[in-house]
Amino acid sequence: MATSATDQLPRVESPCERKCTLDDEDICLGCFRSIDEICAWGGASNQKRLQFLELAAARRSRNSKRA
């Protein structure tokens, strides 16, 4: 199995803020990851974790514009 340059770096840490509350779409209102992303985090590669973080950042941005 080939390893990407991203996976050679230290593991991307979880963005969990310990404010776990899910909205109606199963998005955590603390870290803005979906429940599926949260469950997959432990076994995810750095590349996948970075994708999750990008998606969470976009959700956080959309949420702050609504507030």
N, C-alpha and C. Protein backbone atom coordinates (compact mmCIF):
# COMPACT_ATOMS: atom_id res chain seq x y z
N MET A 1 0.85 -1.17 0.00
CA MET A 1 0.00 0.00 0.00
C MET A 1 0.89 1.24 0.00
N ALA A 2 0.62 2.17 -0.90
CA ALA A 2 1.40 3.41 -0.98
C ALA A 2 0.99 4.36 0.14
N THR A 3 1.97 5.10 0.63
CA THR A 3 1.69 6.07 1.69
C THR A 3 1.82 7.47 1.11
N SER A 4 0.89 8.34 1.41
CA SER A 4 0.97 9.71 0.92
C SER A 4 1.86 10.53 1.85
N ALA A 5 2.32 11.67 1.34
CA ALA A 5 3.17 12.57 2.14
C ALA A 5 2.43 13.03 3.39
N THR A 6 1.12 13.19 3.28
CA THR A 6 0.32 13.64 4.44
C THR A 6 0.36 12.62 5.56
N ASP A 7 0.40 11.36 5.20
CA ASP A 7 0.41 10.32 6.23
C ASP A 7 1.78 10.13 6.86
N GLN A 8 2.80 10.77 6.32
CA GLN A 8 4.14 10.73 6.91
C GLN A 8 4.24 11.75 8.06
N LEU A 9 3.34 12.71 8.09
CA LEU A 9 3.33 13.75 9.12
C LEU A 9 2.73 13.19 10.41
N PRO A 10 2.93 13.90 11.53
CA PRO A 10 2.26 13.47 12.78
C PRO A 10 0.75 13.40 12.57
N ARG A 11 0.09 12.51 13.31
CA ARG A 11 -1.36 12.33 13.17
C ARG A 11 -2.10 13.64 13.40
N VAL A 12 -3.08 13.88 12.55
CA VAL A 12 -3.94 15.05 12.70
C VAL A 12 -4.83 14.80 13.92
N GLU A 13 -4.78 15.71 14.87
CA GLU A 13 -5.52 15.55 16.12
C GLU A 13 -7.01 15.85 15.93
N SER A 14 -7.81 15.24 16.74
CA SER A 14 -9.26 15.45 16.71
C SER A 14 -9.60 16.89 17.10
N PRO A 15 -10.55 17.49 16.39
CA PRO A 15 -10.98 18.84 16.73
C PRO A 15 -12.05 18.88 17.82
N CYS A 16 -12.30 17.74 18.44
CA CYS A 16 -13.36 17.65 19.45
C CYS A 16 -13.18 18.71 20.52
N GLU A 17 -14.26 19.43 20.82
CA GLU A 17 -14.25 20.48 21.84
C GLU A 17 -14.97 20.05 23.11
N ARG A 18 -15.38 18.79 23.15
CA ARG A 18 -16.11 18.23 24.29
C ARG A 18 -17.43 18.99 24.54
N LYS A 19 -18.03 19.46 23.45
CA LYS A 19 -19.34 20.12 23.50
C LYS A 19 -20.28 19.35 22.59
N CYS A 20 -20.27 18.05 22.74
CA CYS A 20 -20.97 17.17 21.81
C CYS A 20 -22.49 17.29 21.93
N THR A 21 -23.06 17.98 20.97
CA THR A 21 -24.50 18.09 20.82
C THR A 21 -24.78 18.01 19.34
N LEU A 22 -25.61 17.07 18.93
CA LEU A 22 -25.91 16.90 17.51
C LEU A 22 -27.16 17.67 17.13
N ASP A 23 -27.12 18.29 15.95
CA ASP A 23 -28.30 18.98 15.45
C ASP A 23 -29.20 17.97 14.73
N ASP A 24 -30.23 18.47 14.06
CA ASP A 24 -31.18 17.59 13.37
C ASP A 24 -30.56 16.82 12.21
N GLU A 25 -29.41 17.28 11.71
CA GLU A 25 -28.74 16.62 10.60
C GLU A 25 -27.55 15.77 11.09
N ASP A 26 -27.49 15.51 12.40
CA ASP A 26 -26.40 14.73 13.02
C ASP A 26 -25.03 15.37 12.81
N ILE A 27 -25.00 16.71 12.93
CA ILE A 27 -23.75 17.47 12.90
C ILE A 27 -23.48 17.94 14.32
N CYS A 28 -22.26 17.72 14.80
CA CYS A 28 -21.90 18.15 16.15
C CYS A 28 -21.78 19.68 16.18
N LEU A 29 -22.43 20.31 17.14
CA LEU A 29 -22.39 21.76 17.25
C LEU A 29 -21.13 22.27 17.95
N GLY A 30 -20.28 21.34 18.39
CA GLY A 30 -19.00 21.72 18.97
C GLY A 30 -17.90 21.78 17.92
N CYS A 31 -17.73 20.68 17.17
CA CYS A 31 -16.64 20.59 16.19
C CYS A 31 -17.13 20.65 14.74
N PHE A 32 -18.43 20.54 14.54
CA PHE A 32 -19.07 20.61 13.22
C PHE A 32 -18.73 19.44 12.30
N ARG A 33 -18.33 18.31 12.90
CA ARG A 33 -18.18 17.09 12.11
C ARG A 33 -19.51 16.35 12.13
N SER A 34 -19.74 15.57 11.08
CA SER A 34 -20.94 14.72 11.06
C SER A 34 -20.71 13.53 11.97
N ILE A 35 -21.78 12.87 12.35
CA ILE A 35 -21.64 11.69 13.20
C ILE A 35 -20.83 10.61 12.49
N ASP A 36 -20.98 10.50 11.18
CA ASP A 36 -20.19 9.51 10.42
C ASP A 36 -18.71 9.86 10.44
N GLU A 37 -18.38 11.15 10.33
CA GLU A 37 -16.98 11.58 10.38
C GLU A 37 -16.38 11.34 11.76
N ILE A 38 -17.16 11.60 12.79
CA ILE A 38 -16.70 11.37 14.16
C ILE A 38 -16.40 9.88 14.37
N CYS A 39 -17.31 9.02 13.91
CA CYS A 39 -17.13 7.57 14.08
C CYS A 39 -15.95 7.05 13.26
N ALA A 40 -15.69 7.64 12.10
CA ALA A 40 -14.61 7.17 11.23
C ALA A 40 -13.25 7.74 11.62
N TRP A 41 -13.22 8.77 12.46
CA TRP A 41 -11.99 9.50 12.76
C TRP A 41 -10.85 8.58 13.21
N GLY A 42 -11.10 7.69 14.12
CA GLY A 42 -10.04 6.85 14.69
C GLY A 42 -9.28 6.02 13.67
N GLY A 43 -9.95 5.54 12.65
CA GLY A 43 -9.30 4.71 11.65
C GLY A 43 -8.94 5.46 10.37
N ALA A 44 -9.18 6.77 10.36
CA ALA A 44 -8.97 7.56 9.14
C ALA A 44 -7.50 7.94 8.97
N SER A 45 -7.08 8.00 7.72
CA SER A 45 -5.73 8.47 7.39
C SER A 45 -5.67 9.99 7.64
N ASN A 46 -4.46 10.53 7.68
CA ASN A 46 -4.32 11.98 7.82
C ASN A 46 -5.03 12.70 6.69
N GLN A 47 -4.91 12.17 5.47
CA GLN A 47 -5.55 12.80 4.32
C GLN A 47 -7.06 12.87 4.52
N LYS A 48 -7.65 11.78 4.98
CA LYS A 48 -9.10 11.75 5.21
C LYS A 48 -9.47 12.68 6.36
N ARG A 49 -8.65 12.71 7.42
CA ARG A 49 -8.92 13.60 8.54
C ARG A 49 -8.90 15.06 8.09
N LEU A 50 -7.96 15.40 7.22
CA LEU A 50 -7.91 16.78 6.71
C LEU A 50 -9.15 17.10 5.88
N GLN A 51 -9.65 16.12 5.14
CA GLN A 51 -10.90 16.32 4.40
C GLN A 51 -12.06 16.57 5.36
N PHE A 52 -12.11 15.78 6.44
CA PHE A 52 -13.16 15.98 7.45
C PHE A 52 -13.07 17.39 8.03
N LEU A 53 -11.85 17.86 8.31
CA LEU A 53 -11.67 19.19 8.89
C LEU A 53 -12.11 20.29 7.92
N GLU A 54 -11.85 20.10 6.63
CA GLU A 54 -12.30 21.07 5.63
C GLU A 54 -13.83 21.14 5.59
N LEU A 55 -14.46 19.98 5.61
CA LEU A 55 -15.93 19.94 5.61
C LEU A 55 -16.49 20.59 6.87
N ALA A 56 -15.86 20.31 8.00
CA ALA A 56 -16.31 20.89 9.27
C ALA A 56 -16.15 22.41 9.26
N ALA A 57 -15.05 22.90 8.70
CA ALA A 57 -14.81 24.35 8.63
C ALA A 57 -15.88 25.02 7.77
N ALA A 58 -16.25 24.39 6.67
CA ALA A 58 -17.29 24.94 5.80
C ALA A 58 -18.63 24.97 6.54
N ARG A 59 -18.92 23.92 7.29
CA ARG A 59 -20.18 23.89 8.06
C ARG A 59 -20.18 24.98 9.13
N ARG A 60 -19.04 25.14 9.81
CA ARG A 60 -18.94 26.16 10.86
C ARG A 60 -19.17 27.55 10.26
N SER A 61 -18.59 27.80 9.10
CA SER A 61 -18.74 29.08 8.42
C SER A 61 -20.20 29.34 8.05
N ARG A 62 -20.85 28.33 7.48
CA ARG A 62 -22.27 28.48 7.13
C ARG A 62 -23.11 28.73 8.38
N ASN A 63 -22.79 28.05 9.45
CA ASN A 63 -23.54 28.19 10.70
C ASN A 63 -23.37 29.60 11.28
N SER A 64 -22.16 30.14 11.23
CA SER A 64 -21.93 31.47 11.81
C SER A 64 -22.61 32.56 10.99
N LYS A 65 -22.80 32.33 9.69
CA LYS A 65 -23.50 33.31 8.85
C LYS A 65 -24.99 33.33 9.15
N ARG A 66 -25.53 32.19 9.62
CA ARG A 66 -26.96 32.11 9.95
C ARG A 66 -27.26 32.76 11.29
N ALA A 67 -26.28 32.79 12.16
CA ALA A 67 -26.49 33.29 13.54
C ALA A 67 -26.58 34.79 13.60
